[in-house]
Amino acid sequence: MAKKEEKSFEEELLELEEIVKKLEAGDVPLDDAITEFTKAMELSKKCDEKLKKAEEAITKVVNKEGKEENFEVE
């Protein structure tokens, strides 16, 4: 079986926003709402993980010795 291509942060966020709009409209049957809510929670978790990884990446700098260290503002 082929491996699914991972969606970008922006694609997942857009999908999450669409689910929220559907649920906020209130015209989704209960079973579908539960399924959509579960999917939204999974997307939210993925987006959060991607944001944390991005934050970690941009807070690292390379010092004079060529070693990576955390960026701190004094």
PDB file of N, CA and C in Angstrom:
ATOM      1  N   MET A   1       0.845  -1.182   0.000  1.00  0.00           N
ATOM      2  CA  MET A   1       0.000   0.000   0.000  1.00  0.00           C
ATOM      3  C   MET A   1       0.887   1.240   0.000  1.00  0.00           C
ATOM      4  N   ALA A   2       0.530   2.229  -0.791  1.00  0.00           N
ATOM      5  CA  ALA A   2       1.298   3.466  -0.897  1.00  0.00           C
ATOM      6  C   ALA A   2       1.132   4.309   0.361  1.00  0.00           C
ATOM      7  N   LYS A   3       2.214   4.952   0.749  1.00  0.00           N
ATOM      8  CA  LYS A   3       2.182   5.818   1.928  1.00  0.00           C
ATOM      9  C   LYS A   3       1.512   7.139   1.564  1.00  0.00           C
ATOM     10  N   LYS A   4       0.619   7.616   2.452  1.00  0.00           N
ATOM     11  CA  LYS A   4      -0.066   8.889   2.225  1.00  0.00           C
ATOM     12  C   LYS A   4       0.926  10.035   2.334  1.00  0.00           C
ATOM     13  N   GLU A   5       0.798  11.000   1.426  1.00  0.00           N
ATOM     14  CA  GLU A   5       1.633  12.182   1.497  1.00  0.00           C
ATOM     15  C   GLU A   5       1.098  13.078   2.619  1.00  0.00           C
ATOM     16  N   GLU A   6       2.001  13.526   3.479  1.00  0.00           N
ATOM     17  CA  GLU A   6       1.591  14.366   4.611  1.00  0.00           C
ATOM     18  C   GLU A   6       1.174  15.752   4.121  1.00  0.00           C
ATOM     19  N   LYS A   7       0.065  16.229   4.660  1.00  0.00           N
ATOM     20  CA  LYS A   7      -0.438  17.557   4.294  1.00  0.00           C
ATOM     21  C   LYS A   7       0.395  18.626   4.989  1.00  0.00           C
ATOM     22  N   SER A   8       0.421  19.795   4.368  1.00  0.00           N
ATOM     23  CA  SER A   8       1.134  20.915   4.969  1.00  0.00           C
ATOM     24  C   SER A   8       0.318  21.466   6.145  1.00  0.00           C
ATOM     25  N   PHE A   9       0.977  22.285   6.940  1.00  0.00           N
ATOM     26  CA  PHE A   9       0.304  22.936   8.063  1.00  0.00           C
ATOM     27  C   PHE A   9      -0.893  23.731   7.569  1.00  0.00           C
ATOM     28  N   GLU A  10      -0.681  24.473   6.484  1.00  0.00           N
ATOM     29  CA  GLU A  10      -1.737  25.331   5.945  1.00  0.00           C
ATOM     30  C   GLU A  10      -2.933  24.510   5.468  1.00  0.00           C
ATOM     31  N   GLU A  11      -2.669  23.371   4.817  1.00  0.00           N
ATOM     32  CA  GLU A  11      -3.760  22.511   4.345  1.00  0.00           C
ATOM     33  C   GLU A  11      -4.559  21.939   5.512  1.00  0.00           C
ATOM     34  N   GLU A  12      -3.839  21.507   6.549  1.00  0.00           N
ATOM     35  CA  GLU A  12      -4.521  20.957   7.724  1.00  0.00           C
ATOM     36  C   GLU A  12      -5.316  22.032   8.458  1.00  0.00           C
ATOM     37  N   LEU A  13      -4.767  23.220   8.551  1.00  0.00           N
ATOM     38  CA  LEU A  13      -5.470  24.317   9.217  1.00  0.00           C
ATOM     39  C   LEU A  13      -6.733  24.684   8.451  1.00  0.00           C
ATOM     40  N   LEU A  14      -6.653  24.725   7.126  1.00  0.00           N
ATOM     41  CA  LEU A  14      -7.815  25.025   6.298  1.00  0.00           C
ATOM     42  C   LEU A  14      -8.902  23.965   6.487  1.00  0.00           C
ATOM     43  N   GLU A  15      -8.498  22.708   6.506  1.00  0.00           N
ATOM     44  CA  GLU A  15      -9.460  21.617   6.722  1.00  0.00           C
ATOM     45  C   GLU A  15     -10.107  21.739   8.103  1.00  0.00           C
ATOM     46  N   LEU A  16      -9.318  22.080   9.099  1.00  0.00           N
ATOM     47  CA  LEU A  16      -9.835  22.274  10.450  1.00  0.00           C
ATOM     48  C   LEU A  16     -10.853  23.414  10.480  1.00  0.00           C
ATOM     49  N   GLU A  17     -10.539  24.511   9.817  1.00  0.00           N
ATOM     50  CA  GLU A  17     -11.465  25.646   9.771  1.00  0.00           C
ATOM     51  C   GLU A  17     -12.778  25.275   9.088  1.00  0.00           C
ATOM     52  N   GLU A  18     -12.705  24.469   8.043  1.00  0.00           N
ATOM     53  CA  GLU A  18     -13.919  24.036   7.342  1.00  0.00           C
ATOM     54  C   GLU A  18     -14.797  23.166   8.249  1.00  0.00           C
ATOM     55  N   ILE A  19     -14.170  22.295   9.016  1.00  0.00           N
ATOM     56  CA  ILE A  19     -14.928  21.450   9.946  1.00  0.00           C
ATOM     57  C   ILE A  19     -15.602  22.311  11.002  1.00  0.00           C
ATOM     58  N   VAL A  20     -14.877  23.268  11.538  1.00  0.00           N
ATOM     59  CA  VAL A  20     -15.431  24.157  12.567  1.00  0.00           C
ATOM     60  C   VAL A  20     -16.640  24.906  12.020  1.00  0.00           C
ATOM     61  N   LYS A  21     -16.534  25.413  10.797  1.00  0.00           N
ATOM     62  CA  LYS A  21     -17.665  26.128  10.185  1.00  0.00           C
ATOM     63  C   LYS A  21     -18.885  25.217  10.066  1.00  0.00           C
ATOM     64  N   LYS A  22     -18.645  23.966   9.639  1.00  0.00           N
ATOM     65  CA  LYS A  22     -19.751  23.008   9.500  1.00  0.00           C
ATOM     66  C   LYS A  22     -20.428  22.761  10.844  1.00  0.00           C
ATOM     67  N   LEU A  23     -19.603  22.557  11.867  1.00  0.00           N
ATOM     68  CA  LEU A  23     -20.150  22.260  13.192  1.00  0.00           C
ATOM     69  C   LEU A  23     -20.855  23.474  13.790  1.00  0.00           C
ATOM     70  N   GLU A  24     -20.308  24.656  13.556  1.00  0.00           N
ATOM     71  CA  GLU A  24     -20.932  25.874  14.073  1.00  0.00           C
ATOM     72  C   GLU A  24     -22.272  26.146  13.403  1.00  0.00           C
ATOM     73  N   ALA A  25     -22.419  25.726  12.150  1.00  0.00           N
ATOM     74  CA  ALA A  25     -23.686  25.919  11.439  1.00  0.00           C
ATOM     75  C   ALA A  25     -24.810  25.131  12.116  1.00  0.00           C
ATOM     76  N   GLY A  26     -24.452  24.022  12.751  1.00  0.00           N
ATOM     77  CA  GLY A  26     -25.426  23.270  13.544  1.00  0.00           C
ATOM     78  C   GLY A  26     -26.346  22.357  12.768  1.00  0.00           C
ATOM     79  N   ASP A  27     -26.162  22.215  11.471  1.00  0.00           N
ATOM     80  CA  ASP A  27     -27.067  21.362  10.704  1.00  0.00           C
ATOM     81  C   ASP A  27     -26.429  20.017  10.332  1.00  0.00           C
ATOM     82  N   VAL A  28     -25.498  19.565  11.168  1.00  0.00           N
ATOM     83  CA  VAL A  28     -24.826  18.286  10.961  1.00  0.00           C
ATOM     84  C   VAL A  28     -25.475  17.252  11.889  1.00  0.00           C
ATOM     85  N   PRO A  29     -25.879  16.090  11.351  1.00  0.00           N
ATOM     86  CA  PRO A  29     -26.443  15.042  12.204  1.00  0.00           C
ATOM     87  C   PRO A  29     -25.445  14.652  13.307  1.00  0.00           C
ATOM     88  N   LEU A  30     -25.957  14.209  14.441  1.00  0.00           N
ATOM     89  CA  LEU A  30     -25.126  13.935  15.610  1.00  0.00           C
ATOM     90  C   LEU A  30     -23.973  12.985  15.312  1.00  0.00           C
ATOM     91  N   ASP A  31     -24.250  11.863  14.647  1.00  0.00           N
ATOM     92  CA  ASP A  31     -23.181  10.898  14.357  1.00  0.00           C
ATOM     93  C   ASP A  31     -22.091  11.527  13.494  1.00  0.00           C
ATOM     94  N   ASP A  32     -22.499  12.310  12.502  1.00  0.00           N
ATOM     95  CA  ASP A  32     -21.531  12.994  11.645  1.00  0.00           C
ATOM     96  C   ASP A  32     -20.767  14.055  12.431  1.00  0.00           C
ATOM     97  N   ALA A  33     -21.454  14.728  13.327  1.00  0.00           N
ATOM     98  CA  ALA A  33     -20.812  15.762  14.142  1.00  0.00           C
ATOM     99  C   ALA A  33     -19.724  15.145  15.027  1.00  0.00           C
ATOM    100  N   ILE A  34     -20.005  13.977  15.581  1.00  0.00           N
ATOM    101  CA  ILE A  34     -19.016  13.300  16.427  1.00  0.00           C
ATOM    102  C   ILE A  34     -17.791  12.914  15.590  1.00  0.00           C
ATOM    103  N   THR A  35     -18.042  12.383  14.392  1.00  0.00           N
ATOM    104  CA  THR A  35     -16.947  12.009  13.496  1.00  0.00           C
ATOM    105  C   THR A  35     -16.126  13.229  13.109  1.00  0.00           C
ATOM    106  N   GLU A  36     -16.798  14.318  12.750  1.00  0.00           N
ATOM    107  CA  GLU A  36     -16.111  15.554  12.367  1.00  0.00           C
ATOM    108  C   GLU A  36     -15.338  16.143  13.543  1.00  0.00           C
ATOM    109  N   PHE A  37     -15.930  16.088  14.735  1.00  0.00           N
ATOM    110  CA  PHE A  37     -15.258  16.604  15.923  1.00  0.00           C
ATOM    111  C   PHE A  37     -13.977  15.821  16.194  1.00  0.00           C
ATOM    112  N   THR A  38     -14.055  14.499  16.076  1.00  0.00           N
ATOM    113  CA  THR A  38     -12.881  13.652  16.290  1.00  0.00           C
ATOM    114  C   THR A  38     -11.785  13.991  15.281  1.00  0.00           C
ATOM    115  N   LYS A  39     -12.174  14.155  14.025  1.00  0.00           N
ATOM    116  CA  LYS A  39     -11.221  14.520  12.976  1.00  0.00           C
ATOM    117  C   LYS A  39     -10.601  15.891  13.271  1.00  0.00           C
ATOM    118  N   ALA A  40     -11.425  16.822  13.733  1.00  0.00           N
ATOM    119  CA  ALA A  40     -10.941  18.161  14.067  1.00  0.00           C
ATOM    120  C   ALA A  40      -9.918  18.113  15.202  1.00  0.00           C
ATOM    121  N   MET A  41     -10.163  17.275  16.181  1.00  0.00           N
ATOM    122  CA  MET A  41      -9.223  17.153  17.297  1.00  0.00           C
ATOM    123  C   MET A  41      -7.888  16.590  16.819  1.00  0.00           C
ATOM    124  N   GLU A  42      -7.928  15.618  15.909  1.00  0.00           N
ATOM    125  CA  GLU A  42      -6.701  15.051  15.356  1.00  0.00           C
ATOM    126  C   GLU A  42      -5.932  16.104  14.553  1.00  0.00           C
ATOM    127  N   LEU A  43      -6.651  16.874  13.746  1.00  0.00           N
ATOM    128  CA  LEU A  43      -6.013  17.936  12.968  1.00  0.00           C
ATOM    129  C   LEU A  43      -5.408  18.990  13.884  1.00  0.00           C
ATOM    130  N   SER A  44      -6.128  19.332  14.940  1.00  0.00           N
ATOM    131  CA  SER A  44      -5.641  20.321  15.897  1.00  0.00           C
ATOM    132  C   SER A  44      -4.326  19.847  16.528  1.00  0.00           C
ATOM    133  N   LYS A  45      -4.274  18.579  16.878  1.00  0.00           N
ATOM    134  CA  LYS A  45      -3.059  18.012  17.481  1.00  0.00           C
ATOM    135  C   LYS A  45      -1.898  18.054  16.486  1.00  0.00           C
ATOM    136  N   LYS A  46      -2.159  17.685  15.221  1.00  0.00           N
ATOM    137  CA  LYS A  46      -1.104  17.712  14.198  1.00  0.00           C
ATOM    138  C   LYS A  46      -0.589  19.135  13.984  1.00  0.00           C
ATOM    139  N   CYS A  47      -1.512  20.088  13.914  1.00  0.00           N
ATOM    140  CA  CYS A  47      -1.119  21.488  13.716  1.00  0.00           C
ATOM    141  C   CYS A  47      -0.275  21.979  14.887  1.00  0.00           C
ATOM    142  N   ASP A  48      -0.678  21.618  16.093  1.00  0.00           N
ATOM    143  CA  ASP A  48       0.060  22.024  17.284  1.00  0.00           C
ATOM    144  C   ASP A  48       1.476  21.451  17.263  1.00  0.00           C
ATOM    145  N   GLU A  49       1.603  20.169  16.876  1.00  0.00           N
ATOM    146  CA  GLU A  49       2.919  19.539  16.812  1.00  0.00           C
ATOM    147  C   GLU A  49       3.801  20.226  15.772  1.00  0.00           C
ATOM    148  N   LYS A  50       3.225  20.564  14.622  1.00  0.00           N
ATOM    149  CA  LYS A  50       4.004  21.246  13.578  1.00  0.00           C
ATOM    150  C   LYS A  50       4.436  22.630  14.039  1.00  0.00           C
ATOM    151  N   LEU A  51       3.567  23.338  14.749  1.00  0.00           N
ATOM    152  CA  LEU A  51       3.933  24.658  15.263  1.00  0.00           C
ATOM    153  C   LEU A  51       5.063  24.557  16.284  1.00  0.00           C
ATOM    154  N   LYS A  52       5.011  23.555  17.152  1.00  0.00           N
ATOM    155  CA  LYS A  52       6.063  23.370  18.152  1.00  0.00           C
ATOM    156  C   LYS A  52       7.396  23.071  17.485  1.00  0.00           C
ATOM    157  N   LYS A  53       7.379  22.210  16.448  1.00  0.00           N
ATOM    158  CA  LYS A  53       8.615  21.896  15.720  1.00  0.00           C
ATOM    159  C   LYS A  53       9.177  23.145  15.048  1.00  0.00           C
ATOM    160  N   ALA A  54       8.299  23.950  14.463  1.00  0.00           N
ATOM    161  CA  ALA A  54       8.740  25.180  13.808  1.00  0.00           C
ATOM    162  C   ALA A  54       9.340  26.144  14.830  1.00  0.00           C
ATOM    163  N   GLU A  55       8.699  26.249  15.977  1.00  0.00           N
ATOM    164  CA  GLU A  55       9.199  27.134  17.028  1.00  0.00           C
ATOM    165  C   GLU A  55      10.579  26.689  17.502  1.00  0.00           C
ATOM    166  N   GLU A  56      10.746  25.370  17.682  1.00  0.00           N
ATOM    167  CA  GLU A  56      12.049  24.849  18.099  1.00  0.00           C
ATOM    168  C   GLU A  56      13.117  25.163  17.051  1.00  0.00           C
ATOM    169  N   ALA A  57      12.764  25.025  15.779  1.00  0.00           N
ATOM    170  CA  ALA A  57      13.719  25.253  14.707  1.00  0.00           C
ATOM    171  C   ALA A  57      14.157  26.708  14.628  1.00  0.00           C
ATOM    172  N   ILE A  58      13.233  27.633  14.836  1.00  0.00           N
ATOM    173  CA  ILE A  58      13.608  29.042  14.694  1.00  0.00           C
ATOM    174  C   ILE A  58      14.240  29.628  15.953  1.00  0.00           C
ATOM    175  N   THR A  59      14.205  28.894  17.052  1.00  0.00           N
ATOM    176  CA  THR A  59      14.838  29.399  18.268  1.00  0.00           C
ATOM    177  C   THR A  59      16.243  28.834  18.444  1.00  0.00           C
ATOM    178  N   LYS A  60      16.752  28.141  17.443  1.00  0.00           N
ATOM    179  CA  LYS A  60      18.124  27.613  17.489  1.00  0.00           C
ATOM    180  C   LYS A  60      19.022  28.517  16.646  1.00  0.00           C
ATOM    181  N   VAL A  61      20.226  28.741  17.130  1.00  0.00           N
ATOM    182  CA  VAL A  61      21.221  29.492  16.384  1.00  0.00           C
ATOM    183  C   VAL A  61      22.537  28.729  16.438  1.00  0.00           C
ATOM    184  N   VAL A  62      23.433  29.048  15.551  1.00  0.00           N
ATOM    185  CA  VAL A  62      24.750  28.426  15.554  1.00  0.00           C
ATOM    186  C   VAL A  62      25.740  29.425  16.150  1.00  0.00           C
ATOM    187  N   ASN A  63      26.477  28.976  17.177  1.00  0.00           N
ATOM    188  CA  ASN A  63      27.437  29.867  17.828  1.00  0.00           C
ATOM    189  C   ASN A  63      28.760  29.909  17.054  1.00  0.00           C
ATOM    190  N   LYS A  64      29.731  30.644  17.560  1.00  0.00           N
ATOM    191  CA  LYS A  64      31.015  30.832  16.874  1.00  0.00           C
ATOM    192  C   LYS A  64      31.760  29.512  16.654  1.00  0.00           C
ATOM    193  N   GLU A  65      31.544  28.547  17.527  1.00  0.00           N
ATOM    194  CA  GLU A  65      32.218  27.256  17.410  1.00  0.00           C
ATOM    195  C   GLU A  65      31.486  26.304  16.466  1.00  0.00           C
ATOM    196  N   GLY A  66      30.377  26.777  15.890  1.00  0.00           N
ATOM    197  CA  GLY A  66      29.608  25.946  14.961  1.00  0.00           C
ATOM    198  C   GLY A  66      28.629  25.015  15.643  1.00  0.00           C
ATOM    199  N   LYS A  67      28.398  25.223  16.914  1.00  0.00           N
ATOM    200  CA  LYS A  67      27.464  24.380  17.662  1.00  0.00           C
ATOM    201  C   LYS A  67      26.106  25.067  17.762  1.00  0.00           C
ATOM    202  N   GLU A  68      25.079  24.239  17.736  1.00  0.00           N
ATOM    203  CA  GLU A  68      23.716  24.759  17.833  1.00  0.00           C
ATOM    204  C   GLU A  68      23.385  25.063  19.292  1.00  0.00           C
ATOM    205  N   GLU A  69      22.723  26.194  19.520  1.00  0.00           N
ATOM    206  CA  GLU A  69      22.276  26.536  20.871  1.00  0.00           C
ATOM    207  C   GLU A  69      20.974  27.313  20.780  1.00  0.00           C
ATOM    208  N   ASN A  70      20.267  27.388  21.889  1.00  0.00           N
ATOM    209  CA  ASN A  70      19.001  28.112  21.926  1.00  0.00           C
ATOM    210  C   ASN A  70      19.262  29.604  21.812  1.00  0.00           C
ATOM    211  N   PHE A  71      18.387  30.266  21.060  1.00  0.00           N
ATOM    212  CA  PHE A  71      18.448  31.719  20.898  1.00  0.00           C
ATOM    213  C   PHE A  71      17.779  32.368  22.090  1.00  0.00           C
ATOM    214  N   GLU A  72      18.471  33.286  22.732  1.00  0.00           N
ATOM    215  CA  GLU A  72      17.892  33.993  23.873  1.00  0.00           C
ATOM    216  C   GLU A  72      18.125  35.489  23.701  1.00  0.00           C
ATOM    217  N   VAL A  73      17.115  36.268  23.986  1.00  0.00           N
ATOM    218  CA  VAL A  73      17.210  37.724  23.939  1.00  0.00           C
ATOM    219  C   VAL A  73      17.516  38.210  25.349  1.00  0.00           C
ATOM    220  N   GLU A  74      18.545  39.039  25.458  1.00  0.00           N
ATOM    221  CA  GLU A  74      18.900  39.543  26.787  1.00  0.00           C
ATOM    222  C   GLU A  74      18.330  40.895  27.023  1.00  0.00           C
TER     223      GLU A  74
END
